[in-house]
Amino acid sequence: MPVSLTPPADTLAASSLNLLLWAAGQHGADVPALCRAIDYDAALTDNPDARVPLATIQRLWPLVMEATQDPYFDVHLGRMLNFTTAGTLAYVLLHTPTLGAAITQLCRYQDLACQGVRTTQTPAPEWPGGIWLRVELTSPAIVYPRYVLNSELSIYCAFFAALTGRPVTPLAVHLAYPRPADTRAHEQAFGTTALAFDAPVTQVAFDAATLALPVLHANPGLFPLFEQHAAALLAQLPTSQQPTLVEQVRREIVHQLNGEVPTLATVADRLHLGVRTLQLKLKAAKHTYQQLLDEVRCDLAERHLREPHLSTTDIAFLLGYSEPSVFVRSFKKWTGQTPGAFRR
């Protein structure tokens, strides 16, 4: 089928599908036959940022697993990364100063890679300054969730290692599916035996030292150019789906966070919900209001810190902090860095 640059919702970048095809070919699969089976013409998507229906790669997954005869091909995918097919998102990450900053950009521009996956980060209380990097599936088009979760995490870990030039080992890995009979492929892919299966959510933890690792060969001068392009591509993505409740809460927080912290009651009222109802709905989505508030504040703080004319005091006020020192402590808890270090 022809590939459009303005497709309906639930799409992924052509670079993501092409990576899966390329890796399958490295395993001996007949790539032209796979393309014919899913009615996909790779020649039409030489632009890595072109969009492909998410359902296309879902049709491809079982065919690849059968063709490669590797029951853990999805877990092994990360070690077969091919940067020559990388899209704009990869280049944004390549020019961030630290791994922590790269992860922040990954969460911000995740939809460029795949609209059916939401990647977020939250503080990890178990490891001060560390984070949990969470992967959630959001599209009904995803019918092979295990393949998607495994491939996403293995690619992330491999890409983080490539960015920093050294192994990046999670402190813990939680996977939201049953334990397989053999976990050796998982231990090799993630570099740890700290694996938990049947978890409520899929997520990996990184400590502050790992987040502070510098990105090799990053060019600060190129970062704004790639980020601007990424933002433009993101703005062009279709959004015909109704926003989730979590997305609606985030939007309300952004709209009302201007020198004053919006309360749960205020946001609930704006969404025409009772406070208790909103709390229960967020809990069912595995979120809390405080968590979403912190995520929004952290995201806005990083954006404001890129504006040289805004002082730390100005930013603290915009984010609803009565004292700059409280904002500094919060920012360090979220990112492992002070605002000054992040800005430098």
Protein backbone atom coordinates (compact mmCIF):
# COMPACT_ATOMS: atom_id res chain seq x y z
CA MET A 1 0.00 0.00 0.00
CA PRO A 2 1.29 3.53 -0.62
CA VAL A 3 2.85 5.21 2.40
CA SER A 4 1.56 8.71 3.08
CA LEU A 5 3.35 11.49 4.90
CA THR A 6 0.01 12.50 6.42
CA PRO A 7 -1.55 9.20 7.51
CA PRO A 8 -4.28 8.55 10.07
CA ALA A 9 -3.45 8.21 13.76
CA ASP A 10 -1.56 5.23 15.22
CA THR A 11 1.54 5.33 13.06
CA LEU A 12 5.25 4.80 13.49
CA ALA A 13 8.34 6.09 11.73
CA ALA A 14 9.45 4.18 8.65
CA SER A 15 12.90 3.95 10.26
CA SER A 16 11.44 1.75 13.03
CA LEU A 17 9.86 -0.71 10.60
CA ASN A 18 12.95 -0.68 8.39
CA LEU A 19 15.12 -1.53 11.42
CA LEU A 20 13.00 -4.61 12.10
CA LEU A 21 13.25 -5.69 8.46
CA TRP A 22 17.01 -5.09 8.36
CA ALA A 23 17.58 -7.05 11.58
CA ALA A 24 15.45 -9.91 10.26
CA GLY A 25 17.58 -9.95 7.13
CA GLN A 26 20.71 -10.21 9.27
CA HIS A 27 19.12 -13.34 10.75
CA GLY A 28 18.67 -14.88 7.31
CA ALA A 29 15.05 -13.92 6.69
CA ASP A 30 13.86 -13.22 3.13
CA VAL A 31 13.21 -9.48 3.42
CA PRO A 32 11.52 -9.00 0.01
CA ALA A 33 9.15 -11.85 0.88
CA LEU A 34 8.35 -10.23 4.24
CA CYS A 35 7.62 -6.92 2.50
CA ARG A 36 5.28 -8.61 0.04
CA ALA A 37 3.49 -10.40 2.87
CA ILE A 38 2.61 -7.12 4.57
CA ASP A 39 2.12 -5.18 1.30
CA TYR A 40 4.98 -2.82 2.12
CA ASP A 41 7.24 -1.10 -0.41
CA ALA A 42 10.45 -0.03 1.35
CA ALA A 43 11.40 2.06 -1.69
CA LEU A 44 8.52 4.41 -0.88
CA THR A 45 9.92 5.11 2.59
CA ASP A 46 13.54 6.07 2.00
CA ASN A 47 12.71 9.05 4.23
CA PRO A 48 13.17 7.63 7.77
CA ASP A 49 10.61 10.09 9.14
CA ALA A 50 7.84 8.96 6.77
CA ARG A 51 4.85 7.47 8.59
CA VAL A 52 3.62 3.88 8.35
CA PRO A 53 0.39 2.50 9.88
CA LEU A 54 1.11 0.83 13.20
CA ALA A 55 -0.93 -2.17 12.06
CA THR A 56 1.70 -2.83 9.37
CA ILE A 57 4.49 -3.62 11.81
CA GLN A 58 2.08 -5.66 13.93
CA ARG A 59 1.43 -7.87 10.88
CA LEU A 60 5.18 -8.14 10.43
CA TRP A 61 6.11 -9.27 13.96
CA PRO A 62 4.83 -12.89 13.85
CA LEU A 63 6.27 -13.33 10.35
CA VAL A 64 9.69 -12.16 11.55
CA MET A 65 9.60 -14.40 14.61
CA GLU A 66 8.82 -17.39 12.38
CA ALA A 67 11.34 -16.47 9.67
CA THR A 68 14.26 -15.96 12.06
CA GLN A 69 13.50 -19.07 14.14
CA ASP A 70 14.66 -17.06 17.17
CA PRO A 71 12.07 -17.14 19.98
CA TYR A 72 13.85 -14.19 21.61
CA PHE A 73 14.38 -12.11 18.49
CA ASP A 74 12.40 -9.24 20.05
CA VAL A 75 14.76 -9.18 23.05
CA HIS A 76 17.84 -9.42 20.80
CA LEU A 77 16.74 -6.55 18.54
CA GLY A 78 18.63 -3.87 20.47
CA ARG A 79 22.04 -5.36 19.77
CA MET A 80 21.31 -5.12 16.04
CA LEU A 81 20.78 -1.35 16.01
CA ASN A 82 21.50 0.25 12.65
CA PHE A 83 22.11 3.99 13.00
CA THR A 84 22.24 4.48 9.25
CA THR A 85 18.44 4.26 9.19
CA ALA A 86 17.89 6.53 12.19
CA GLY A 87 15.29 9.28 11.99
CA THR A 88 15.19 12.74 13.50
CA LEU A 89 14.56 11.53 17.06
CA ALA A 90 17.87 9.65 17.10
CA TYR A 91 19.76 12.77 16.04
CA VAL A 92 18.10 14.82 18.77
CA LEU A 93 19.35 12.31 21.36
CA LEU A 94 22.84 12.15 19.81
CA HIS A 95 23.39 15.85 20.52
CA THR A 96 22.17 16.10 24.10
CA PRO A 97 24.83 16.68 26.79
CA THR A 98 24.05 13.76 29.12
CA LEU A 99 22.14 10.50 29.10
CA GLY A 100 19.58 11.99 31.48
CA ALA A 101 18.95 14.84 29.06
CA ALA A 102 18.65 12.32 26.20
CA ILE A 103 16.03 10.35 28.13
CA THR A 104 14.05 13.56 28.70
CA GLN A 105 14.05 14.21 24.96
CA LEU A 106 13.10 10.60 24.28
CA CYS A 107 10.03 11.00 26.48
CA ARG A 108 9.14 14.32 24.83
CA TYR A 109 9.41 13.12 21.23
CA GLN A 110 8.53 9.42 21.61
CA ASP A 111 5.58 9.77 19.22
CA LEU A 112 8.00 10.41 16.36
CA ALA A 113 9.17 6.80 16.68
CA CYS A 114 5.78 5.26 17.49
CA GLN A 115 2.47 6.80 18.44
CA GLY A 116 1.25 3.61 20.06
CA VAL A 117 3.85 3.67 22.84
CA ARG A 118 4.11 6.22 25.65
CA THR A 119 7.51 6.56 27.36
CA THR A 120 7.66 8.57 30.59
CA GLN A 121 10.07 9.03 33.48
CA THR A 122 9.30 9.39 37.17
CA PRO A 123 11.60 9.78 40.19
CA ALA A 124 12.80 6.52 41.74
CA PRO A 125 12.53 6.96 45.53
CA GLU A 126 14.60 3.81 46.01
CA TRP A 127 17.60 5.51 44.39
CA PRO A 128 17.86 9.27 45.12
CA GLY A 129 18.38 11.16 41.89
CA GLY A 130 17.45 8.09 39.86
CA ILE A 131 14.43 7.49 37.65
CA TRP A 132 12.03 4.82 36.50
CA LEU A 133 11.70 4.87 32.70
CA ARG A 134 8.22 3.52 31.98
CA VAL A 135 6.87 2.11 28.70
CA GLU A 136 3.10 1.94 28.24
CA LEU A 137 1.16 0.67 25.22
CA THR A 138 -1.61 3.06 24.20
CA SER A 139 -2.90 1.84 20.83
CA PRO A 140 -5.49 -0.87 20.19
CA ALA A 141 -3.54 -1.62 17.00
CA ILE A 142 -0.84 -3.30 19.13
CA VAL A 143 -1.82 -6.97 19.21
CA TYR A 144 1.62 -8.37 20.12
CA PRO A 145 2.42 -6.42 23.30
CA ARG A 146 5.30 -8.63 24.44
CA TYR A 147 7.20 -8.12 21.18
CA VAL A 148 6.72 -4.35 21.41
CA LEU A 149 7.73 -4.07 25.07
CA ASN A 150 10.80 -6.27 24.68
CA SER A 151 12.01 -4.56 21.52
CA GLU A 152 11.47 -1.06 22.93
CA LEU A 153 13.45 -1.76 26.10
CA SER A 154 16.25 -3.64 24.36
CA ILE A 155 16.63 -0.82 21.81
CA TYR A 156 16.64 1.79 24.57
CA CYS A 157 19.38 0.03 26.54
CA ALA A 158 21.50 -0.54 23.43
CA PHE A 159 21.00 3.03 22.23
CA PHE A 160 21.92 4.44 25.65
CA ALA A 161 25.13 2.40 25.57
CA ALA A 162 25.90 3.71 22.08
CA LEU A 163 25.28 7.30 23.18
CA THR A 164 27.67 7.06 26.14
CA GLY A 165 30.21 4.60 24.78
CA ARG A 166 29.84 2.29 27.75
CA PRO A 167 27.39 -0.37 29.01
CA VAL A 168 24.28 1.13 30.58
CA THR A 169 22.87 -1.34 33.08
CA PRO A 170 19.45 -0.79 34.67
CA LEU A 171 19.19 -1.17 38.43
CA ALA A 172 15.97 -3.13 37.93
CA VAL A 173 13.74 -4.25 35.08
CA HIS A 174 9.98 -4.76 35.52
CA LEU A 175 8.09 -6.49 32.71
CA ALA A 176 4.29 -6.59 32.47
CA TYR A 177 3.95 -10.13 31.15
CA PRO A 178 4.47 -13.65 32.55
CA ARG A 179 7.97 -15.03 33.19
CA PRO A 180 9.24 -17.05 30.20
CA ALA A 181 10.73 -20.49 30.66
CA ASP A 182 14.22 -19.14 29.92
CA THR A 183 15.28 -15.62 30.98
CA ARG A 184 18.90 -15.75 29.80
CA ALA A 185 18.17 -13.63 26.72
CA HIS A 186 16.60 -10.96 28.94
CA GLU A 187 19.55 -11.00 31.33
CA GLN A 188 21.96 -10.61 28.41
CA ALA A 189 19.95 -7.83 26.74
CA PHE A 190 19.49 -5.79 29.92
CA GLY A 191 22.76 -6.72 31.61
CA THR A 192 21.11 -7.64 34.91
CA THR A 193 19.42 -10.50 36.71
CA ALA A 194 17.21 -8.01 38.62
CA LEU A 195 14.18 -8.93 36.52
CA ALA A 196 10.59 -8.91 37.75
CA PHE A 197 7.82 -10.40 35.60
CA ASP A 198 4.04 -10.07 35.90
CA ALA A 199 4.70 -6.47 36.99
CA PRO A 200 1.87 -3.89 36.95
CA VAL A 201 3.85 -1.77 34.46
CA THR A 202 6.91 -2.20 32.25
CA GLN A 203 9.77 0.01 33.42
CA VAL A 204 13.52 0.13 34.01
CA ALA A 205 15.41 2.04 36.73
CA PHE A 206 18.61 4.07 36.31
CA ASP A 207 20.63 5.77 39.05
CA ALA A 208 21.86 9.36 39.14
CA ALA A 209 25.41 8.44 38.11
CA THR A 210 24.13 6.73 34.97
CA LEU A 211 21.93 9.69 34.08
CA ALA A 212 24.94 12.01 34.44
CA LEU A 213 27.02 10.09 31.87
CA PRO A 214 28.07 12.42 29.02
CA VAL A 215 26.90 11.72 25.49
CA LEU A 216 29.93 11.10 23.29
CA HIS A 217 30.52 13.45 20.36
CA ALA A 218 27.45 15.57 21.16
CA ASN A 219 27.47 18.89 19.32
CA PRO A 220 25.53 21.49 21.35
CA GLY A 221 25.28 23.68 18.26
CA LEU A 222 23.37 21.02 16.32
CA PHE A 223 20.93 20.15 19.09
CA PRO A 224 18.61 23.17 18.62
CA LEU A 225 18.41 22.47 14.87
CA PHE A 226 17.38 18.84 15.29
CA GLU A 227 15.04 19.68 18.18
CA GLN A 228 13.31 22.34 16.10
CA HIS A 229 12.84 19.84 13.30
CA ALA A 230 11.56 17.20 15.76
CA ALA A 231 9.05 19.68 17.19
CA ALA A 232 7.81 20.50 13.70
CA LEU A 233 7.39 16.81 12.84
CA LEU A 234 5.58 16.19 16.13
CA ALA A 235 3.17 19.01 15.44
CA GLN A 236 2.28 17.45 12.09
CA LEU A 237 1.32 14.06 13.54
CA PRO A 238 -2.41 13.34 13.43
CA THR A 239 -4.28 13.36 16.71
CA SER A 240 -7.71 12.10 15.74
CA GLN A 241 -7.93 9.92 18.85
CA GLN A 242 -9.60 11.32 21.93
CA PRO A 243 -6.98 12.35 24.50
CA THR A 244 -6.75 10.05 27.49
CA LEU A 245 -7.74 11.27 30.93
CA VAL A 246 -4.05 11.43 31.88
CA GLU A 247 -3.35 13.63 28.85
CA GLN A 248 -6.31 15.86 29.73
CA VAL A 249 -5.03 16.28 33.31
CA ARG A 250 -1.55 17.15 32.05
CA ARG A 251 -3.01 19.76 29.70
CA GLU A 252 -5.08 21.34 32.46
CA ILE A 253 -2.02 21.53 34.72
CA VAL A 254 -0.04 23.26 31.96
CA HIS A 255 -2.86 25.72 31.28
CA GLN A 256 -3.26 26.66 34.94
CA LEU A 257 0.35 26.51 36.13
CA ASN A 258 1.25 30.18 35.97
CA GLY A 259 2.57 31.43 39.26
CA GLU A 260 0.16 29.23 41.18
CA VAL A 261 -0.05 25.46 41.62
CA PRO A 262 -3.37 24.06 40.32
CA THR A 263 -5.02 21.86 42.91
CA LEU A 264 -6.56 18.48 42.30
CA ALA A 265 -9.96 20.01 43.03
CA THR A 266 -9.45 22.73 40.44
CA VAL A 267 -8.44 20.27 37.72
CA ALA A 268 -11.29 17.92 38.62
CA ASP A 269 -13.73 20.80 38.33
CA ARG A 270 -12.34 21.78 34.92
CA LEU A 271 -12.84 18.18 33.74
CA HIS A 272 -16.38 18.08 35.23
CA LEU A 273 -15.41 15.30 37.62
CA GLY A 274 -15.54 14.90 41.37
CA VAL A 275 -12.23 14.86 43.20
CA ARG A 276 -12.64 11.28 44.37
CA THR A 277 -13.72 10.15 40.89
CA LEU A 278 -10.65 11.74 39.32
CA GLN A 279 -8.37 10.13 41.92
CA LEU A 280 -9.86 6.70 41.25
CA LYS A 281 -9.63 7.09 37.47
CA LEU A 282 -5.98 8.16 37.72
CA LYS A 283 -5.24 5.25 40.05
CA ALA A 284 -6.78 2.87 37.52
CA ALA A 285 -4.43 4.35 34.91
CA LYS A 286 -1.52 3.77 37.37
CA HIS A 287 -0.94 7.48 37.96
CA THR A 288 -1.41 9.98 40.77
CA TYR A 289 -2.15 13.65 40.51
CA GLN A 290 1.10 14.54 42.30
CA GLN A 291 3.09 12.42 39.88
CA LEU A 292 1.54 14.17 36.87
CA LEU A 293 2.09 17.57 38.46
CA ASP A 294 5.77 16.76 39.02
CA GLU A 295 6.16 15.51 35.44
CA VAL A 296 4.63 18.68 34.01
CA ARG A 297 6.70 20.94 36.27
CA CYS A 298 9.89 19.09 35.35
CA ASP A 299 9.15 19.32 31.63
CA LEU A 300 8.31 23.02 31.82
CA ALA A 301 11.36 23.71 34.00
CA GLU A 302 13.67 22.19 31.39
CA ARG A 303 12.03 24.22 28.64
CA HIS A 304 12.29 27.45 30.63
CA LEU A 305 15.94 26.77 31.50
CA ARG A 306 16.75 26.75 27.80
CA GLU A 307 15.60 30.37 27.64
CA PRO A 308 18.62 32.47 28.69
CA HIS A 309 16.53 35.50 29.66
CA LEU A 310 14.65 33.66 32.42
CA SER A 311 16.33 33.54 35.83
CA THR A 312 15.96 30.64 38.26
CA THR A 313 13.78 32.92 40.40
CA ASP A 314 11.52 33.66 37.41
CA ILE A 315 11.18 29.97 36.61
CA ALA A 316 10.45 29.08 40.23
CA PHE A 317 7.63 31.63 40.25
CA LEU A 318 6.20 30.39 36.93
CA LEU A 319 6.10 26.86 38.32
CA GLY A 320 4.29 27.93 41.48
CA TYR A 321 7.19 27.82 43.96
CA SER A 322 7.22 30.47 46.66
CA GLU A 323 10.99 30.06 47.19
CA PRO A 324 13.66 29.44 44.51
CA SER A 325 15.48 27.10 46.90
CA VAL A 326 12.48 24.75 46.96
CA PHE A 327 12.44 24.70 43.15
CA VAL A 328 16.18 23.90 43.09
CA ARG A 329 15.69 20.95 45.45
CA SER A 330 12.74 19.65 43.43
CA PHE A 331 14.58 19.95 40.13
CA LYS A 332 17.59 18.09 41.53
CA LYS A 333 15.28 15.32 42.77
CA TRP A 334 13.69 15.01 39.31
CA THR A 335 16.84 15.16 37.17
CA GLY A 336 19.83 14.59 39.43
CA GLN A 337 21.14 18.06 38.47
CA THR A 338 20.75 21.57 39.77
CA PRO A 339 19.04 24.06 37.41
CA GLY A 340 22.39 25.78 36.95
CA ALA A 341 24.14 22.57 35.94
CA PHE A 342 21.32 21.68 33.54
CA ARG A 343 21.47 25.12 31.96
CA ARG A 344 25.25 24.92 31.49
